[in-house]
Amino acid sequence: MELSVLNIQGKETGKKVTLSDEIFGIEPNEHVVWLDVKQFLANQRQGTHRAKPRAEVSRSTRKIKKQKGTGGARAGSAKSPLMKGGGRIFGPVPRDYSFKVNKKVKSLARQSAYAAKVQSGSVTVLEGFSFDAPKTKSYLALLNALSLNDTKTLLILPEEDQNVYLSGRNLPKTKIASTGQVNTYDLVNATKLLIVEGAISKIESSFSN
């Protein structure tokens, strides 16, 4: 599959890049993508939730009313979960939500996410560029030229570039990462992928091992 290379003004440069069918032409495996995204989101959870059971609530344990003769249900301690301010039945306790996903499964998930984006026409290849200084205005001009102002974008660089990264960091629908930092969630979450020309060979080599 061939894609045209654009410059940061959104104009065609006349160059084309050929994407490997072995990497970007596979049938995307939705299940492994779901697994990898599920693991990523689970790992973001702190798991520090806590509720007090009846044993830990600070209330009187005196019997509220006599056992018989009131015409109502039996009632004991004010700590009972049935009482307002009482303990919580089976409440949340601190736990670790993380779980293991095999390396090969994670690799296939990432490859499937790339393939799905390419096959849906959601990938734009950009000519290599950099900024002289970190300026949000410069990155906004790039998005304007590509008509991607209100679109969730992921820019993939061949290597870290602080000026480019800092220029887009403050924009809410923008993420910028180098090839080694991209995960499946980032790919799925973005509506449009912007891949710098030099990053394509690094992406392909990461799956050829």
N, C-alpha and C. Protein backbone atom coordinates (compact mmCIF):
# COMPACT_ATOMS: atom_id res chain seq x y z
N MET A 1 0.85 -1.20 0.00
CA MET A 1 0.00 0.00 0.00
C MET A 1 0.88 1.25 0.00
N GLU A 2 0.54 2.20 -0.86
CA GLU A 2 1.32 3.44 -0.94
C GLU A 2 0.53 4.62 -0.39
N LEU A 3 1.23 5.50 0.32
CA LEU A 3 0.61 6.72 0.84
C LEU A 3 1.45 7.92 0.43
N SER A 4 0.78 9.02 0.12
CA SER A 4 1.49 10.24 -0.24
C SER A 4 2.06 10.90 1.01
N VAL A 5 3.19 11.55 0.83
CA VAL A 5 3.83 12.25 1.94
C VAL A 5 3.48 13.74 1.84
N LEU A 6 2.97 14.29 2.95
CA LEU A 6 2.61 15.71 3.00
C LEU A 6 3.63 16.48 3.81
N ASN A 7 3.75 17.79 3.52
CA ASN A 7 4.59 18.63 4.38
C ASN A 7 3.71 19.25 5.46
N ILE A 8 4.30 20.07 6.34
CA ILE A 8 3.52 20.61 7.45
C ILE A 8 2.57 21.72 7.02
N GLN A 9 2.63 22.11 5.76
CA GLN A 9 1.64 23.05 5.21
C GLN A 9 0.45 22.29 4.62
N GLY A 10 0.49 20.97 4.70
CA GLY A 10 -0.61 20.15 4.19
C GLY A 10 -0.56 19.91 2.70
N LYS A 11 0.55 20.25 2.05
CA LYS A 11 0.69 20.08 0.60
C LYS A 11 1.45 18.79 0.30
N GLU A 12 1.14 18.18 -0.83
CA GLU A 12 1.85 16.97 -1.24
C GLU A 12 3.28 17.31 -1.66
N THR A 13 4.20 16.46 -1.25
CA THR A 13 5.61 16.69 -1.58
C THR A 13 6.01 15.98 -2.87
N GLY A 14 5.13 15.12 -3.36
CA GLY A 14 5.45 14.33 -4.55
C GLY A 14 6.07 12.99 -4.21
N LYS A 15 6.43 12.82 -2.93
CA LYS A 15 7.01 11.54 -2.50
C LYS A 15 5.90 10.60 -2.05
N LYS A 16 6.18 9.32 -2.13
CA LYS A 16 5.26 8.31 -1.65
C LYS A 16 6.02 7.30 -0.79
N VAL A 17 5.35 6.74 0.19
CA VAL A 17 5.96 5.69 1.01
C VAL A 17 5.15 4.41 0.82
N THR A 18 5.86 3.30 0.80
CA THR A 18 5.20 2.00 0.65
C THR A 18 5.15 1.31 2.01
N LEU A 19 3.95 0.97 2.45
CA LEU A 19 3.77 0.30 3.73
C LEU A 19 3.78 -1.21 3.52
N SER A 20 4.46 -1.91 4.41
CA SER A 20 4.57 -3.36 4.31
C SER A 20 3.21 -4.03 4.52
N ASP A 21 2.83 -4.88 3.57
CA ASP A 21 1.57 -5.61 3.71
C ASP A 21 1.64 -6.62 4.85
N GLU A 22 2.84 -7.09 5.16
CA GLU A 22 3.01 -8.06 6.25
C GLU A 22 2.71 -7.42 7.61
N ILE A 23 2.88 -6.11 7.68
CA ILE A 23 2.64 -5.40 8.96
C ILE A 23 1.27 -4.72 8.94
N PHE A 24 1.04 -3.91 7.92
CA PHE A 24 -0.17 -3.09 7.90
C PHE A 24 -1.32 -3.72 7.11
N GLY A 25 -1.06 -4.87 6.47
CA GLY A 25 -2.10 -5.48 5.66
C GLY A 25 -2.77 -6.68 6.31
N ILE A 26 -2.44 -6.96 7.57
CA ILE A 26 -3.02 -8.13 8.23
C ILE A 26 -4.50 -7.88 8.57
N GLU A 27 -5.21 -8.96 8.83
CA GLU A 27 -6.60 -8.85 9.31
C GLU A 27 -6.55 -8.47 10.79
N PRO A 28 -7.04 -7.29 11.18
CA PRO A 28 -6.96 -6.88 12.59
C PRO A 28 -7.69 -7.86 13.51
N ASN A 29 -7.02 -8.22 14.60
CA ASN A 29 -7.60 -9.12 15.59
C ASN A 29 -8.24 -8.28 16.71
N GLU A 30 -9.55 -8.13 16.66
CA GLU A 30 -10.25 -7.24 17.59
C GLU A 30 -10.15 -7.72 19.03
N HIS A 31 -10.12 -9.04 19.22
CA HIS A 31 -10.10 -9.54 20.60
C HIS A 31 -8.81 -9.19 21.32
N VAL A 32 -7.66 -9.35 20.64
CA VAL A 32 -6.40 -9.03 21.32
C VAL A 32 -6.27 -7.52 21.53
N VAL A 33 -6.85 -6.72 20.63
CA VAL A 33 -6.87 -5.27 20.84
C VAL A 33 -7.66 -4.95 22.10
N TRP A 34 -8.81 -5.60 22.23
CA TRP A 34 -9.65 -5.39 23.43
C TRP A 34 -8.90 -5.79 24.70
N LEU A 35 -8.18 -6.92 24.64
CA LEU A 35 -7.42 -7.39 25.81
C LEU A 35 -6.36 -6.38 26.22
N ASP A 36 -5.61 -5.88 25.23
CA ASP A 36 -4.51 -4.96 25.53
C ASP A 36 -5.03 -3.63 26.07
N VAL A 37 -6.12 -3.13 25.48
CA VAL A 37 -6.71 -1.88 25.96
C VAL A 37 -7.28 -2.08 27.37
N LYS A 38 -7.89 -3.22 27.59
CA LYS A 38 -8.44 -3.52 28.92
C LYS A 38 -7.32 -3.54 29.96
N GLN A 39 -6.18 -4.15 29.61
CA GLN A 39 -5.06 -4.19 30.55
C GLN A 39 -4.52 -2.79 30.82
N PHE A 40 -4.38 -1.99 29.76
CA PHE A 40 -3.86 -0.63 29.91
C PHE A 40 -4.74 0.18 30.87
N LEU A 41 -6.06 0.12 30.65
CA LEU A 41 -6.98 0.90 31.49
C LEU A 41 -7.01 0.35 32.92
N ALA A 42 -6.90 -0.97 33.07
CA ALA A 42 -6.89 -1.56 34.41
C ALA A 42 -5.65 -1.11 35.18
N ASN A 43 -4.52 -0.99 34.46
CA ASN A 43 -3.28 -0.57 35.11
C ASN A 43 -3.31 0.89 35.55
N GLN A 44 -4.23 1.68 34.98
CA GLN A 44 -4.34 3.09 35.37
C GLN A 44 -5.09 3.25 36.70
N ARG A 45 -5.81 2.21 37.09
CA ARG A 45 -6.63 2.32 38.30
C ARG A 45 -5.77 2.23 39.55
N GLN A 46 -6.02 3.13 40.52
CA GLN A 46 -5.24 3.12 41.75
C GLN A 46 -5.67 2.00 42.69
N GLY A 47 -6.95 1.68 42.66
CA GLY A 47 -7.44 0.60 43.52
C GLY A 47 -7.40 0.92 45.00
N THR A 48 -7.48 2.22 45.33
CA THR A 48 -7.40 2.62 46.75
C THR A 48 -8.78 2.80 47.38
N HIS A 49 -9.84 2.35 46.70
CA HIS A 49 -11.20 2.51 47.24
C HIS A 49 -11.35 1.71 48.55
N ARG A 50 -12.15 2.25 49.46
CA ARG A 50 -12.32 1.61 50.77
C ARG A 50 -13.64 2.04 51.37
N ALA A 51 -14.38 1.09 51.91
CA ALA A 51 -15.60 1.40 52.65
C ALA A 51 -15.56 0.65 53.98
N LYS A 52 -16.20 1.20 55.02
CA LYS A 52 -16.14 0.57 56.33
C LYS A 52 -17.26 -0.45 56.52
N PRO A 53 -16.89 -1.67 56.89
CA PRO A 53 -17.94 -2.64 57.26
C PRO A 53 -18.46 -2.33 58.66
N ARG A 54 -19.44 -3.09 59.11
CA ARG A 54 -20.05 -2.76 60.40
C ARG A 54 -19.06 -2.83 61.56
N ALA A 55 -18.03 -3.63 61.44
CA ALA A 55 -17.06 -3.76 62.54
C ALA A 55 -16.23 -2.50 62.71
N GLU A 56 -16.15 -1.67 61.68
CA GLU A 56 -15.27 -0.50 61.74
C GLU A 56 -16.01 0.82 61.90
N VAL A 57 -17.34 0.79 61.80
CA VAL A 57 -18.11 2.01 61.95
C VAL A 57 -18.14 2.40 63.42
N SER A 58 -17.95 3.69 63.70
CA SER A 58 -17.94 4.17 65.09
C SER A 58 -19.36 4.56 65.51
N ARG A 59 -20.07 3.57 66.05
CA ARG A 59 -21.43 3.83 66.54
C ARG A 59 -21.67 2.96 67.76
N SER A 60 -22.73 3.26 68.48
CA SER A 60 -23.07 2.48 69.68
C SER A 60 -23.52 1.08 69.30
N THR A 61 -23.19 0.11 70.16
CA THR A 61 -23.65 -1.26 69.93
C THR A 61 -24.84 -1.59 70.84
N ARG A 62 -25.36 -0.59 71.51
CA ARG A 62 -26.53 -0.83 72.38
C ARG A 62 -27.73 -1.24 71.53
N LYS A 63 -28.52 -2.18 72.06
CA LYS A 63 -29.70 -2.60 71.33
C LYS A 63 -30.68 -1.44 71.24
N ILE A 64 -31.14 -1.16 70.02
CA ILE A 64 -31.94 0.04 69.76
C ILE A 64 -33.31 -0.01 70.44
N LYS A 65 -33.94 -1.15 70.39
CA LYS A 65 -35.26 -1.31 71.03
C LYS A 65 -35.40 -2.76 71.50
N LYS A 66 -36.40 -2.98 72.31
CA LYS A 66 -36.57 -4.34 72.84
C LYS A 66 -36.91 -5.31 71.71
N GLN A 67 -36.60 -6.58 71.99
CA GLN A 67 -36.71 -7.60 70.96
C GLN A 67 -38.15 -7.81 70.50
N LYS A 68 -39.08 -7.83 71.47
CA LYS A 68 -40.45 -8.22 71.12
C LYS A 68 -41.45 -7.16 71.57
N GLY A 69 -42.61 -7.18 70.96
CA GLY A 69 -43.72 -6.36 71.44
C GLY A 69 -43.83 -4.98 70.80
N THR A 70 -42.93 -4.63 69.87
CA THR A 70 -43.01 -3.28 69.27
C THR A 70 -43.86 -3.29 67.99
N GLY A 71 -44.13 -4.46 67.47
CA GLY A 71 -44.89 -4.54 66.23
C GLY A 71 -44.04 -4.36 64.99
N GLY A 72 -42.76 -4.08 65.18
CA GLY A 72 -41.87 -3.88 64.03
C GLY A 72 -40.83 -4.98 63.94
N ALA A 73 -39.91 -4.82 63.02
CA ALA A 73 -38.84 -5.81 62.85
C ALA A 73 -37.84 -5.73 64.00
N ARG A 74 -37.14 -6.82 64.23
CA ARG A 74 -36.11 -6.84 65.27
C ARG A 74 -34.97 -5.89 64.89
N ALA A 75 -34.39 -5.25 65.83
CA ALA A 75 -33.27 -4.33 65.58
C ALA A 75 -32.24 -4.46 66.68
N GLY A 76 -30.98 -4.52 66.27
CA GLY A 76 -29.91 -4.63 67.26
C GLY A 76 -29.06 -3.37 67.26
N SER A 77 -27.79 -3.51 66.86
CA SER A 77 -26.84 -2.41 66.90
C SER A 77 -27.13 -1.37 65.82
N ALA A 78 -26.78 -0.11 66.11
CA ALA A 78 -26.91 0.96 65.12
C ALA A 78 -25.85 0.84 64.03
N LYS A 79 -24.90 -0.10 64.21
CA LYS A 79 -23.89 -0.35 63.18
C LYS A 79 -24.44 -1.20 62.04
N SER A 80 -25.63 -1.73 62.20
CA SER A 80 -26.20 -2.60 61.18
C SER A 80 -26.25 -1.90 59.82
N PRO A 81 -25.91 -2.63 58.77
CA PRO A 81 -25.97 -2.05 57.43
C PRO A 81 -27.38 -1.60 57.03
N LEU A 82 -28.38 -2.07 57.77
CA LEU A 82 -29.76 -1.66 57.46
C LEU A 82 -30.07 -0.26 57.98
N MET A 83 -29.24 0.22 58.90
CA MET A 83 -29.46 1.53 59.52
C MET A 83 -28.74 2.64 58.75
N LYS A 84 -29.32 3.83 58.76
CA LYS A 84 -28.64 4.97 58.18
C LYS A 84 -27.37 5.25 58.97
N GLY A 85 -26.24 5.38 58.28
CA GLY A 85 -24.96 5.59 58.96
C GLY A 85 -24.30 4.32 59.42
N GLY A 86 -24.92 3.17 59.10
CA GLY A 86 -24.34 1.89 59.48
C GLY A 86 -23.24 1.46 58.52
N GLY A 87 -22.73 0.27 58.72
CA GLY A 87 -21.64 -0.24 57.89
C GLY A 87 -22.11 -0.59 56.48
N ARG A 88 -21.15 -0.85 55.61
CA ARG A 88 -21.45 -1.20 54.22
C ARG A 88 -21.31 -2.71 54.04
N ILE A 89 -22.30 -3.33 53.40
CA ILE A 89 -22.22 -4.76 53.14
C ILE A 89 -21.35 -5.00 51.90
N PHE A 90 -20.35 -5.85 52.01
CA PHE A 90 -19.48 -6.21 50.89
C PHE A 90 -18.97 -4.97 50.14
N GLY A 91 -18.54 -3.96 50.89
CA GLY A 91 -18.04 -2.73 50.27
C GLY A 91 -16.69 -2.95 49.60
N PRO A 92 -16.25 -1.95 48.80
CA PRO A 92 -14.96 -2.08 48.12
C PRO A 92 -13.79 -2.06 49.10
N VAL A 93 -12.77 -2.83 48.77
CA VAL A 93 -11.53 -2.84 49.57
C VAL A 93 -10.36 -2.60 48.62
N PRO A 94 -9.24 -2.09 49.12
CA PRO A 94 -8.10 -1.85 48.24
C PRO A 94 -7.68 -3.12 47.51
N ARG A 95 -7.44 -3.00 46.20
CA ARG A 95 -7.03 -4.17 45.41
C ARG A 95 -6.22 -3.72 44.20
N ASP A 96 -5.51 -4.66 43.64
CA ASP A 96 -4.70 -4.41 42.45
C ASP A 96 -5.47 -4.93 41.23
N TYR A 97 -5.77 -4.04 40.28
CA TYR A 97 -6.56 -4.41 39.11
C TYR A 97 -5.72 -4.93 37.95
N SER A 98 -4.40 -4.83 38.07
CA SER A 98 -3.55 -5.19 36.94
C SER A 98 -3.59 -6.70 36.67
N PHE A 99 -3.38 -7.06 35.42
CA PHE A 99 -3.30 -8.47 35.05
C PHE A 99 -2.30 -8.62 33.89
N LYS A 100 -1.86 -9.84 33.65
CA LYS A 100 -0.79 -10.08 32.68
C LYS A 100 -1.36 -10.35 31.29
N VAL A 101 -0.72 -9.76 30.30
CA VAL A 101 -0.99 -10.08 28.90
C VAL A 101 0.35 -10.43 28.26
N ASN A 102 0.42 -11.54 27.56
CA ASN A 102 1.68 -12.00 26.97
C ASN A 102 2.25 -10.98 25.98
N LYS A 103 3.57 -10.96 25.87
CA LYS A 103 4.24 -9.99 24.99
C LYS A 103 3.80 -10.14 23.53
N LYS A 104 3.67 -11.39 23.08
CA LYS A 104 3.30 -11.61 21.68
C LYS A 104 1.86 -11.15 21.42
N VAL A 105 1.00 -11.29 22.43
CA VAL A 105 -0.38 -10.83 22.30
C VAL A 105 -0.42 -9.31 22.22
N LYS A 106 0.39 -8.66 23.07
CA LYS A 106 0.44 -7.20 23.07
C LYS A 106 0.99 -6.67 21.74
N SER A 107 1.99 -7.38 21.20
CA SER A 107 2.57 -6.98 19.92
C SER A 107 1.55 -7.13 18.79
N LEU A 108 0.80 -8.23 18.81
CA LEU A 108 -0.23 -8.44 17.79
C LEU A 108 -1.34 -7.40 17.92
N ALA A 109 -1.65 -7.02 19.15
CA ALA A 109 -2.69 -6.01 19.38
C ALA A 109 -2.28 -4.67 18.78
N ARG A 110 -1.03 -4.30 19.01
CA ARG A 110 -0.53 -3.02 18.49
C ARG A 110 -0.50 -3.05 16.96
N GLN A 111 -0.04 -4.19 16.41
CA GLN A 111 0.01 -4.34 14.96
C GLN A 111 -1.40 -4.28 14.36
N SER A 112 -2.36 -4.90 15.05
CA SER A 112 -3.74 -4.90 14.57
C SER A 112 -4.31 -3.49 14.60
N ALA A 113 -3.95 -2.71 15.62
CA ALA A 113 -4.44 -1.33 15.72
C ALA A 113 -3.88 -0.47 14.59
N TYR A 114 -2.58 -0.65 14.30
CA TYR A 114 -1.97 0.06 13.16
C TYR A 114 -2.68 -0.33 11.86
N ALA A 115 -2.86 -1.63 11.65
CA ALA A 115 -3.47 -2.13 10.41
C ALA A 115 -4.88 -1.59 10.23
N ALA A 116 -5.64 -1.55 11.33
CA ALA A 116 -7.03 -1.05 11.25
C ALA A 116 -7.06 0.41 10.85
N LYS A 117 -6.12 1.21 11.38
CA LYS A 117 -6.07 2.63 11.03
C LYS A 117 -5.69 2.84 9.57
N VAL A 118 -4.71 2.07 9.10
CA VAL A 118 -4.27 2.20 7.70
C VAL A 118 -5.40 1.79 6.76
N GLN A 119 -6.06 0.68 7.07
CA GLN A 119 -7.10 0.15 6.20
C GLN A 119 -8.36 1.01 6.19
N SER A 120 -8.55 1.81 7.26
CA SER A 120 -9.72 2.70 7.30
C SER A 120 -9.41 4.09 6.74
N GLY A 121 -8.16 4.28 6.26
CA GLY A 121 -7.78 5.58 5.69
C GLY A 121 -7.57 6.66 6.74
N SER A 122 -7.20 6.24 7.96
CA SER A 122 -7.05 7.21 9.06
C SER A 122 -5.59 7.55 9.35
N VAL A 123 -4.72 7.35 8.34
CA VAL A 123 -3.29 7.62 8.52
C VAL A 123 -2.82 8.66 7.52
N THR A 124 -2.10 9.66 8.02
CA THR A 124 -1.46 10.66 7.16
C THR A 124 0.04 10.61 7.41
N VAL A 125 0.82 10.55 6.35
CA VAL A 125 2.28 10.52 6.48
C VAL A 125 2.82 11.93 6.26
N LEU A 126 3.65 12.38 7.19
CA LEU A 126 4.23 13.72 7.11
C LEU A 126 5.72 13.65 6.83
N GLU A 127 6.20 14.65 6.12
CA GLU A 127 7.63 14.81 5.90
C GLU A 127 8.28 15.15 7.24
N GLY A 128 9.53 14.74 7.42
CA GLY A 128 10.23 15.04 8.67
C GLY A 128 10.28 16.54 8.94
N PHE A 129 10.04 16.93 10.19
CA PHE A 129 10.05 18.37 10.53
C PHE A 129 10.44 18.54 12.00
N SER A 130 10.72 19.77 12.36
CA SER A 130 10.97 20.13 13.75
C SER A 130 10.64 21.61 13.90
N PHE A 131 10.57 22.08 15.13
CA PHE A 131 10.32 23.50 15.40
C PHE A 131 11.57 24.10 16.05
N ASP A 132 11.80 25.38 15.77
CA ASP A 132 12.96 26.06 16.36
C ASP A 132 12.82 26.22 17.86
N ALA A 133 11.57 26.37 18.31
CA ALA A 133 11.30 26.55 19.74
C ALA A 133 9.92 25.96 20.03
N PRO A 134 9.68 25.57 21.27
CA PRO A 134 8.35 25.03 21.59
C PRO A 134 7.27 26.11 21.56
N LYS A 135 6.37 26.04 20.58
CA LYS A 135 5.29 27.02 20.48
C LYS A 135 4.00 26.30 20.10
N THR A 136 2.99 26.44 20.94
CA THR A 136 1.70 25.81 20.66
C THR A 136 1.13 26.33 19.34
N LYS A 137 1.39 27.60 19.06
CA LYS A 137 0.89 28.22 17.83
C LYS A 137 1.43 27.48 16.59
N SER A 138 2.67 27.03 16.67
CA SER A 138 3.27 26.32 15.53
C SER A 138 2.55 24.99 15.29
N TYR A 139 2.23 24.29 16.38
CA TYR A 139 1.56 22.99 16.21
C TYR A 139 0.11 23.19 15.77
N LEU A 140 -0.51 24.25 16.24
CA LEU A 140 -1.88 24.55 15.81
C LEU A 140 -1.91 24.86 14.31
N ALA A 141 -0.89 25.54 13.82
CA ALA A 141 -0.81 25.84 12.39
C ALA A 141 -0.71 24.56 11.58
N LEU A 142 0.02 23.56 12.11
CA LEU A 142 0.13 22.27 11.45
C LEU A 142 -1.24 21.58 11.38
N LEU A 143 -1.97 21.60 12.50
CA LEU A 143 -3.30 20.97 12.53
C LEU A 143 -4.27 21.71 11.61
N ASN A 144 -4.16 23.04 11.57
CA ASN A 144 -5.01 23.84 10.68
C ASN A 144 -4.77 23.47 9.22
N ALA A 145 -3.51 23.31 8.87
CA ALA A 145 -3.15 23.00 7.47
C ALA A 145 -3.70 21.64 7.05
N LEU A 146 -3.85 20.73 8.05
CA LEU A 146 -4.36 19.39 7.75
C LEU A 146 -5.85 19.26 8.03
N SER A 147 -6.48 20.39 8.42
CA SER A 147 -7.92 20.41 8.76
C SER A 147 -8.26 19.41 9.85
N LEU A 148 -7.43 19.40 10.90
CA LEU A 148 -7.63 18.45 12.00
C LEU A 148 -7.78 19.15 13.35
N ASN A 149 -8.35 20.37 13.31
CA ASN A 149 -8.47 21.15 14.54
C ASN A 149 -9.24 20.44 15.65
N ASP A 150 -10.41 19.90 15.31
CA ASP A 150 -11.27 19.30 16.32
C ASP A 150 -11.23 17.77 16.27
N THR A 151 -10.12 17.24 15.82
CA THR A 151 -9.99 15.78 15.67
C THR A 151 -8.94 15.27 16.65
N LYS A 152 -9.22 14.12 17.26
CA LYS A 152 -8.22 13.50 18.13
C LYS A 152 -7.09 12.97 17.27
N THR A 153 -5.89 13.48 17.50
CA THR A 153 -4.75 13.07 16.67
C THR A 153 -3.63 12.48 17.52
N LEU A 154 -2.91 11.56 16.92
CA LEU A 154 -1.70 11.00 17.53
C LEU A 154 -0.57 11.19 16.54
N LEU A 155 0.42 11.99 16.92
CA LEU A 155 1.59 12.21 16.07
C LEU A 155 2.70 11.27 16.51
N ILE A 156 3.19 10.46 15.57
CA ILE A 156 4.24 9.49 15.89
C ILE A 156 5.55 9.94 15.26
N LEU A 157 6.54 10.20 16.12
CA LEU A 157 7.85 10.69 15.69
C LEU A 157 8.85 9.54 15.66
N PRO A 158 9.86 9.61 14.80
CA PRO A 158 10.88 8.55 14.78
C PRO A 158 11.71 8.53 16.06
N GLU A 159 11.88 9.70 16.67
CA GLU A 159 12.59 9.78 17.96
C GLU A 159 12.08 11.01 18.70
N GLU A 160 12.37 11.09 19.98
CA GLU A 160 11.85 12.18 20.80
C GLU A 160 12.34 13.54 20.28
N ASP A 161 11.42 14.50 20.26
CA ASP A 161 11.74 15.88 19.87
C ASP A 161 11.02 16.78 20.86
N GLN A 162 11.78 17.35 21.79
CA GLN A 162 11.18 18.13 22.87
C GLN A 162 10.41 19.35 22.36
N ASN A 163 10.93 20.01 21.33
CA ASN A 163 10.25 21.20 20.82
C ASN A 163 8.87 20.84 20.25
N VAL A 164 8.79 19.75 19.52
CA VAL A 164 7.51 19.32 18.95
C VAL A 164 6.58 18.84 20.07
N TYR A 165 7.15 18.04 20.99
CA TYR A 165 6.34 17.50 22.09
C TYR A 165 5.73 18.61 22.94
N LEU A 166 6.55 19.59 23.31
CA LEU A 166 6.06 20.68 24.16
C LEU A 166 5.09 21.58 23.42
N SER A 167 5.22 21.65 22.10
CA SER A 167 4.32 22.49 21.31
C SER A 167 2.89 21.95 21.29
N GLY A 168 2.76 20.63 21.39
CA GLY A 168 1.42 20.04 21.33
C GLY A 168 0.90 19.54 22.66
N ARG A 169 1.72 19.62 23.71
CA ARG A 169 1.35 19.03 25.00
C ARG A 169 0.10 19.67 25.61
N ASN A 170 -0.10 20.93 25.35
CA ASN A 170 -1.19 21.66 26.00
C ASN A 170 -2.53 21.56 25.24
N LEU A 171 -2.54 20.86 24.12
CA LEU A 171 -3.75 20.75 23.32
C LEU A 171 -4.53 19.51 23.74
N PRO A 172 -5.81 19.65 24.08
CA PRO A 172 -6.57 18.55 24.69
C PRO A 172 -6.77 17.32 23.81
N LYS A 173 -6.87 17.49 22.50
CA LYS A 173 -7.15 16.34 21.62
C LYS A 173 -5.91 15.86 20.88
N THR A 174 -4.74 16.20 21.45
CA THR A 174 -3.48 15.90 20.76
C THR A 174 -2.57 15.06 21.66
N LYS A 175 -1.96 14.05 21.07
CA LYS A 175 -0.92 13.30 21.78
C LYS A 175 0.25 13.14 20.83
N ILE A 176 1.45 13.29 21.37
CA ILE A 176 2.67 13.18 20.58
C ILE A 176 3.58 12.16 21.26
N ALA A 177 4.07 11.21 20.48
CA ALA A 177 4.91 10.16 21.06
C ALA A 177 5.90 9.68 20.00
N SER A 178 7.01 9.11 20.49
CA SER A 178 7.95 8.46 19.57
C SER A 178 7.49 7.02 19.36
N THR A 179 8.09 6.34 18.39
CA THR A 179 7.63 5.00 18.03
C THR A 179 7.67 4.03 19.22
N GLY A 180 8.67 4.17 20.07
CA GLY A 180 8.81 3.26 21.21
C GLY A 180 7.83 3.53 22.34
N GLN A 181 7.15 4.68 22.30
CA GLN A 181 6.24 5.04 23.39
C GLN A 181 4.77 4.76 23.06
N VAL A 182 4.48 4.41 21.83
CA VAL A 182 3.09 4.25 21.41
C VAL A 182 2.54 2.92 21.91
N ASN A 183 1.34 2.96 22.49
CA ASN A 183 0.69 1.71 22.90
C ASN A 183 -0.64 1.56 22.16
N THR A 184 -1.26 0.41 22.34
CA THR A 184 -2.50 0.09 21.61
C THR A 184 -3.61 1.07 21.94
N TYR A 185 -3.70 1.46 23.22
CA TYR A 185 -4.76 2.39 23.62
C TYR A 185 -4.63 3.72 22.88
N ASP A 186 -3.40 4.22 22.77
CA ASP A 186 -3.17 5.49 22.06
C ASP A 186 -3.67 5.39 20.61
N LEU A 187 -3.36 4.26 19.97
CA LEU A 187 -3.75 4.07 18.57
C LEU A 187 -5.26 3.99 18.40
N VAL A 188 -5.91 3.26 19.31
CA VAL A 188 -7.37 3.10 19.23
C VAL A 188 -8.08 4.40 19.58
N ASN A 189 -7.52 5.12 20.54
CA ASN A 189 -8.16 6.34 21.04
C ASN A 189 -8.10 7.49 20.04
N ALA A 190 -7.09 7.48 19.16
CA ALA A 190 -6.93 8.58 18.19
C ALA A 190 -7.84 8.35 16.98
N THR A 191 -8.41 9.43 16.49
CA THR A 191 -9.22 9.35 15.28
C THR A 191 -8.32 9.36 14.04
N LYS A 192 -7.22 10.09 14.14
CA LYS A 192 -6.31 10.23 12.99
C LYS A 192 -4.86 10.03 13.46
N LEU A 193 -4.11 9.22 12.72
CA LEU A 193 -2.69 9.05 13.00
C LEU A 193 -1.87 9.91 12.05
N LEU A 194 -0.95 10.68 12.62
CA LEU A 194 0.01 11.44 11.83
C LEU A 194 1.37 10.80 12.05
N ILE A 195 1.89 10.15 11.03
CA ILE A 195 3.16 9.44 11.17
C ILE A 195 4.23 10.15 10.37
N VAL A 196 5.30 10.54 11.05
CA VAL A 196 6.43 11.18 10.36
C VAL A 196 7.13 10.10 9.54
N GLU A 197 7.51 10.47 8.34
CA GLU A 197 8.05 9.53 7.34
C GLU A 197 9.12 8.59 7.92
N GLY A 198 10.03 9.15 8.70
CA GLY A 198 11.12 8.35 9.24
C GLY A 198 10.69 7.34 10.29
N ALA A 199 9.48 7.49 10.81
CA ALA A 199 9.01 6.58 11.86
C ALA A 199 8.49 5.26 11.30
N ILE A 200 8.14 5.24 10.01
CA ILE A 200 7.51 4.05 9.43
C ILE A 200 8.46 2.85 9.46
N SER A 201 9.71 3.06 9.09
CA SER A 201 10.67 1.95 9.10
C SER A 201 10.89 1.42 10.52
N LYS A 202 10.85 2.33 11.51
CA LYS A 202 11.04 1.89 12.89
C LYS A 202 9.83 1.10 13.39
N ILE A 203 8.63 1.51 12.94
CA ILE A 203 7.42 0.76 13.32
C ILE A 203 7.49 -0.65 12.72
N GLU A 204 7.86 -0.72 11.46
CA GLU A 204 7.92 -2.02 10.79
C GLU A 204 8.99 -2.92 11.40
N SER A 205 10.13 -2.34 11.75
CA SER A 205 11.19 -3.16 12.33
C SER A 205 10.84 -3.66 13.73
N SER A 206 9.97 -2.92 14.43
CA SER A 206 9.57 -3.34 15.78
C SER A 206 8.72 -4.61 15.76
N PHE A 207 8.10 -4.89 14.60
CA PHE A 207 7.28 -6.11 14.49
C PHE A 207 7.99 -7.23 13.76
N SER A 208 9.15 -6.95 13.21
CA SER A 208 9.84 -7.97 12.42
C SER A 208 10.69 -8.90 13.26
N ASN A 209 10.83 -8.58 14.55
CA ASN A 209 11.66 -9.42 15.43
C ASN A 209 10.91 -10.68 15.82
